[in-house]
Amino acid sequence: MLRLLTMAALLAASAPTMAAERVARVDRETFACKSWAGWREYSQASLTARGARANPHCPIRISAGARVTIIDGDAGSGAAEVEWRGRRWFVDAARVE
């Protein structure tokens, strides 16, 4: 019995806790990508002389003033994972307040 209680306590302590989601506004229009890899590719392409173009990985833009729910404010390399209109997107973290 003691062994079972110890195992339960260890599992409860090691379970990840869900961070509190927060609602924010997009302060400048930003592109939205379906995956982090797509976001990274689009970001790198935007630095070239030709610029980035809409593609299947980044099909939409979220307009300024739109309300989004921040899932992960630091998804890596300047990206933020947000939920907008029921779907999860990767956007430029600097453009989300």
N, C-alpha and C. Protein backbone atom coordinates (compact mmCIF):
# COMPACT_ATOMS: atom_id res chain seq x y z
N MET A 1 0.82 -1.20 0.00
CA MET A 1 0.00 0.00 0.00
C MET A 1 0.87 1.26 0.00
N LEU A 2 1.90 1.24 0.83
CA LEU A 2 2.80 2.38 0.90
C LEU A 2 3.50 2.61 -0.44
N ARG A 3 3.88 1.51 -1.08
CA ARG A 3 4.53 1.62 -2.38
C ARG A 3 3.59 2.25 -3.40
N LEU A 4 2.33 1.89 -3.38
CA LEU A 4 1.34 2.44 -4.30
C LEU A 4 1.14 3.93 -4.06
N LEU A 5 1.05 4.34 -2.80
CA LEU A 5 0.90 5.76 -2.47
C LEU A 5 2.13 6.56 -2.90
N THR A 6 3.31 5.98 -2.72
CA THR A 6 4.54 6.66 -3.12
C THR A 6 4.57 6.85 -4.63
N MET A 7 4.19 5.83 -5.38
CA MET A 7 4.16 5.93 -6.84
C MET A 7 3.15 6.98 -7.29
N ALA A 8 1.99 7.03 -6.65
CA ALA A 8 0.96 8.01 -7.01
C ALA A 8 1.46 9.43 -6.73
N ALA A 9 2.13 9.61 -5.61
CA ALA A 9 2.66 10.92 -5.27
C ALA A 9 3.73 11.36 -6.27
N LEU A 10 4.60 10.45 -6.66
CA LEU A 10 5.64 10.79 -7.64
C LEU A 10 5.04 11.13 -9.00
N LEU A 11 4.03 10.40 -9.41
CA LEU A 11 3.39 10.70 -10.69
C LEU A 11 2.68 12.05 -10.66
N ALA A 12 2.02 12.34 -9.56
CA ALA A 12 1.32 13.63 -9.44
C ALA A 12 2.30 14.80 -9.43
N ALA A 13 3.44 14.61 -8.78
CA ALA A 13 4.42 15.69 -8.71
C ALA A 13 5.13 15.90 -10.04
N SER A 14 5.29 14.84 -10.81
CA SER A 14 6.02 14.98 -12.06
C SER A 14 5.11 15.32 -13.24
N ALA A 15 3.81 15.30 -13.06
CA ALA A 15 2.88 15.63 -14.15
C ALA A 15 3.02 17.10 -14.51
N PRO A 16 3.08 17.40 -15.80
CA PRO A 16 3.21 18.81 -16.20
C PRO A 16 1.93 19.58 -15.86
N THR A 17 2.12 20.77 -15.41
CA THR A 17 0.97 21.60 -15.09
C THR A 17 0.65 22.48 -16.27
N MET A 18 -0.60 22.69 -16.52
CA MET A 18 -1.00 23.50 -17.66
C MET A 18 -0.89 24.98 -17.28
N ALA A 19 -0.18 25.71 -18.10
CA ALA A 19 -0.01 27.15 -17.85
C ALA A 19 -1.32 27.87 -18.12
N ALA A 20 -1.52 28.93 -17.40
CA ALA A 20 -2.74 29.72 -17.59
C ALA A 20 -2.68 30.40 -18.95
N GLU A 21 -3.69 30.17 -19.76
CA GLU A 21 -3.75 30.80 -21.07
C GLU A 21 -4.19 32.24 -20.90
N ARG A 22 -3.66 33.10 -21.75
CA ARG A 22 -4.06 34.50 -21.65
C ARG A 22 -4.48 35.03 -23.01
N VAL A 23 -5.39 35.96 -22.99
CA VAL A 23 -5.90 36.56 -24.21
C VAL A 23 -5.10 37.83 -24.49
N ALA A 24 -4.73 38.01 -25.75
CA ALA A 24 -3.96 39.19 -26.15
C ALA A 24 -4.48 39.68 -27.49
N ARG A 25 -3.99 40.83 -27.88
CA ARG A 25 -4.35 41.40 -29.18
C ARG A 25 -3.12 41.42 -30.07
N VAL A 26 -3.36 41.25 -31.35
CA VAL A 26 -2.29 41.37 -32.35
C VAL A 26 -2.13 42.86 -32.62
N ASP A 27 -0.92 43.40 -32.39
CA ASP A 27 -0.75 44.85 -32.55
C ASP A 27 -0.41 45.27 -33.98
N ARG A 28 0.15 44.38 -34.79
CA ARG A 28 0.39 44.63 -36.22
C ARG A 28 0.01 43.36 -36.98
N GLU A 29 -0.45 43.53 -38.21
CA GLU A 29 -0.82 42.37 -39.00
C GLU A 29 0.35 41.38 -39.06
N THR A 30 0.04 40.10 -38.91
CA THR A 30 1.08 39.08 -38.90
C THR A 30 0.63 37.85 -39.66
N PHE A 31 1.58 37.16 -40.24
CA PHE A 31 1.27 35.92 -40.92
C PHE A 31 1.07 34.82 -39.88
N ALA A 32 0.30 33.81 -40.21
CA ALA A 32 0.04 32.70 -39.30
C ALA A 32 0.38 31.40 -40.01
N CYS A 33 1.19 30.58 -39.36
CA CYS A 33 1.64 29.32 -39.95
C CYS A 33 1.11 28.14 -39.16
N LYS A 34 0.93 27.02 -39.87
CA LYS A 34 0.37 25.82 -39.26
C LYS A 34 1.36 25.11 -38.35
N SER A 35 2.66 25.28 -38.57
CA SER A 35 3.67 24.60 -37.77
C SER A 35 4.83 25.55 -37.48
N TRP A 36 5.63 25.19 -36.48
CA TRP A 36 6.79 26.00 -36.15
C TRP A 36 7.79 25.99 -37.31
N ALA A 37 7.95 24.83 -37.95
CA ALA A 37 8.89 24.72 -39.06
C ALA A 37 8.45 25.62 -40.22
N GLY A 38 7.15 25.66 -40.49
CA GLY A 38 6.65 26.54 -41.54
C GLY A 38 6.86 28.00 -41.19
N TRP A 39 6.67 28.33 -39.91
CA TRP A 39 6.90 29.70 -39.45
C TRP A 39 8.37 30.08 -39.63
N ARG A 40 9.28 29.19 -39.28
CA ARG A 40 10.71 29.45 -39.39
C ARG A 40 11.11 29.66 -40.85
N GLU A 41 10.60 28.80 -41.73
CA GLU A 41 10.90 28.91 -43.16
C GLU A 41 10.39 30.25 -43.72
N TYR A 42 9.18 30.63 -43.33
CA TYR A 42 8.60 31.90 -43.80
C TYR A 42 9.41 33.08 -43.27
N SER A 43 9.82 33.00 -42.01
CA SER A 43 10.61 34.08 -41.41
C SER A 43 11.95 34.25 -42.12
N GLN A 44 12.61 33.14 -42.45
CA GLN A 44 13.89 33.21 -43.15
C GLN A 44 13.70 33.77 -44.56
N ALA A 45 12.63 33.37 -45.23
CA ALA A 45 12.36 33.87 -46.59
C ALA A 45 12.08 35.36 -46.59
N SER A 46 11.50 35.87 -45.50
CA SER A 46 11.18 37.30 -45.44
C SER A 46 12.44 38.16 -45.38
N LEU A 47 13.57 37.58 -45.07
CA LEU A 47 14.82 38.32 -44.99
C LEU A 47 15.51 38.45 -46.34
N THR A 48 15.05 37.72 -47.35
CA THR A 48 15.66 37.78 -48.67
C THR A 48 15.14 38.99 -49.44
N ALA A 49 15.81 39.32 -50.54
CA ALA A 49 15.40 40.47 -51.35
C ALA A 49 14.01 40.26 -51.95
N ARG A 50 13.69 39.04 -52.30
CA ARG A 50 12.38 38.74 -52.90
C ARG A 50 11.27 38.77 -51.86
N GLY A 51 11.59 38.44 -50.63
CA GLY A 51 10.59 38.44 -49.57
C GLY A 51 9.84 37.13 -49.50
N ALA A 52 9.03 36.99 -48.49
CA ALA A 52 8.25 35.77 -48.29
C ALA A 52 6.92 35.88 -49.02
N ARG A 53 6.43 34.75 -49.46
CA ARG A 53 5.15 34.68 -50.14
C ARG A 53 4.24 33.73 -49.37
N ALA A 54 2.95 33.95 -49.50
CA ALA A 54 1.99 33.03 -48.88
C ALA A 54 2.19 31.64 -49.48
N ASN A 55 2.12 30.62 -48.64
CA ASN A 55 2.30 29.25 -49.09
C ASN A 55 1.38 28.34 -48.29
N PRO A 56 1.34 27.06 -48.60
CA PRO A 56 0.43 26.16 -47.88
C PRO A 56 0.71 26.06 -46.38
N HIS A 57 1.94 26.35 -45.96
CA HIS A 57 2.27 26.28 -44.54
C HIS A 57 1.87 27.53 -43.78
N CYS A 58 1.81 28.66 -44.47
CA CYS A 58 1.43 29.94 -43.87
C CYS A 58 0.34 30.59 -44.73
N PRO A 59 -0.88 30.04 -44.67
CA PRO A 59 -1.90 30.45 -45.63
C PRO A 59 -2.63 31.75 -45.31
N ILE A 60 -2.56 32.23 -44.07
CA ILE A 60 -3.38 33.39 -43.72
C ILE A 60 -2.56 34.45 -42.99
N ARG A 61 -3.18 35.60 -42.86
CA ARG A 61 -2.65 36.67 -42.01
C ARG A 61 -3.70 36.99 -40.96
N ILE A 62 -3.24 37.31 -39.79
CA ILE A 62 -4.15 37.74 -38.72
C ILE A 62 -4.05 39.25 -38.66
N SER A 63 -5.17 39.92 -38.79
CA SER A 63 -5.17 41.37 -38.87
C SER A 63 -4.91 42.02 -37.51
N ALA A 64 -4.46 43.25 -37.56
CA ALA A 64 -4.18 44.00 -36.33
C ALA A 64 -5.48 44.17 -35.55
N GLY A 65 -5.38 44.04 -34.24
CA GLY A 65 -6.54 44.18 -33.37
C GLY A 65 -7.27 42.89 -33.08
N ALA A 66 -6.92 41.81 -33.77
CA ALA A 66 -7.59 40.53 -33.54
C ALA A 66 -7.23 40.00 -32.16
N ARG A 67 -8.20 39.39 -31.50
CA ARG A 67 -7.96 38.80 -30.18
C ARG A 67 -7.55 37.35 -30.36
N VAL A 68 -6.45 36.97 -29.74
CA VAL A 68 -5.95 35.60 -29.80
C VAL A 68 -5.68 35.10 -28.38
N THR A 69 -5.69 33.80 -28.22
CA THR A 69 -5.32 33.19 -26.95
C THR A 69 -3.90 32.68 -27.08
N ILE A 70 -3.02 33.12 -26.22
CA ILE A 70 -1.63 32.71 -26.27
C ILE A 70 -1.49 31.35 -25.59
N ILE A 71 -1.05 30.36 -26.35
CA ILE A 71 -0.83 29.02 -25.82
C ILE A 71 0.60 28.92 -25.28
N ASP A 72 1.57 29.36 -26.08
CA ASP A 72 2.98 29.35 -25.70
C ASP A 72 3.60 30.65 -26.20
N GLY A 73 3.90 31.56 -25.31
CA GLY A 73 4.44 32.86 -25.68
C GLY A 73 5.86 32.81 -26.21
N ASP A 74 6.57 31.73 -25.91
CA ASP A 74 7.94 31.57 -26.40
C ASP A 74 8.10 30.17 -26.96
N ALA A 75 7.66 29.99 -28.20
CA ALA A 75 7.73 28.68 -28.85
C ALA A 75 9.11 28.46 -29.46
N GLY A 76 9.98 29.42 -29.36
CA GLY A 76 11.35 29.28 -29.86
C GLY A 76 11.64 30.18 -31.04
N SER A 77 12.79 30.80 -31.03
CA SER A 77 13.29 31.67 -32.11
C SER A 77 12.35 32.81 -32.45
N GLY A 78 11.63 33.33 -31.48
CA GLY A 78 10.77 34.49 -31.72
C GLY A 78 9.35 34.15 -32.12
N ALA A 79 8.98 32.90 -32.05
CA ALA A 79 7.61 32.49 -32.41
C ALA A 79 6.74 32.39 -31.16
N ALA A 80 5.45 32.54 -31.37
CA ALA A 80 4.47 32.33 -30.31
C ALA A 80 3.37 31.44 -30.88
N GLU A 81 2.91 30.49 -30.07
CA GLU A 81 1.81 29.64 -30.50
C GLU A 81 0.52 30.25 -29.94
N VAL A 82 -0.42 30.54 -30.83
CA VAL A 82 -1.68 31.16 -30.43
C VAL A 82 -2.85 30.36 -30.97
N GLU A 83 -4.01 30.58 -30.37
CA GLU A 83 -5.24 30.00 -30.88
C GLU A 83 -6.11 31.14 -31.37
N TRP A 84 -6.56 31.02 -32.60
CA TRP A 84 -7.40 32.04 -33.23
C TRP A 84 -8.47 31.34 -34.04
N ARG A 85 -9.71 31.68 -33.78
CA ARG A 85 -10.86 31.08 -34.46
C ARG A 85 -10.86 29.56 -34.40
N GLY A 86 -10.49 29.04 -33.22
CA GLY A 86 -10.56 27.60 -33.00
C GLY A 86 -9.40 26.77 -33.51
N ARG A 87 -8.39 27.41 -34.10
CA ARG A 87 -7.23 26.68 -34.61
C ARG A 87 -5.96 27.25 -34.00
N ARG A 88 -4.93 26.42 -33.93
CA ARG A 88 -3.65 26.85 -33.39
C ARG A 88 -2.72 27.27 -34.52
N TRP A 89 -2.03 28.40 -34.30
CA TRP A 89 -1.15 28.98 -35.31
C TRP A 89 0.15 29.41 -34.65
N PHE A 90 1.20 29.49 -35.45
CA PHE A 90 2.47 30.05 -35.01
C PHE A 90 2.62 31.41 -35.65
N VAL A 91 2.88 32.42 -34.83
CA VAL A 91 2.99 33.80 -35.30
C VAL A 91 4.25 34.43 -34.71
N ASP A 92 4.59 35.62 -35.19
CA ASP A 92 5.71 36.38 -34.68
C ASP A 92 5.36 36.88 -33.27
N ALA A 93 6.13 36.47 -32.29
CA ALA A 93 5.83 36.82 -30.89
C ALA A 93 5.88 38.33 -30.65
N ALA A 94 6.69 39.05 -31.41
CA ALA A 94 6.82 40.50 -31.22
C ALA A 94 5.54 41.24 -31.63
N ARG A 95 4.68 40.60 -32.40
CA ARG A 95 3.47 41.25 -32.87
C ARG A 95 2.24 40.94 -32.02
N VAL A 96 2.43 40.19 -30.95
CA VAL A 96 1.34 39.85 -30.05
C VAL A 96 1.59 40.54 -28.73
N GLU A 97 0.63 41.35 -28.29
CA GLU A 97 0.80 42.09 -27.03
C GLU A 97 0.59 41.17 -25.85
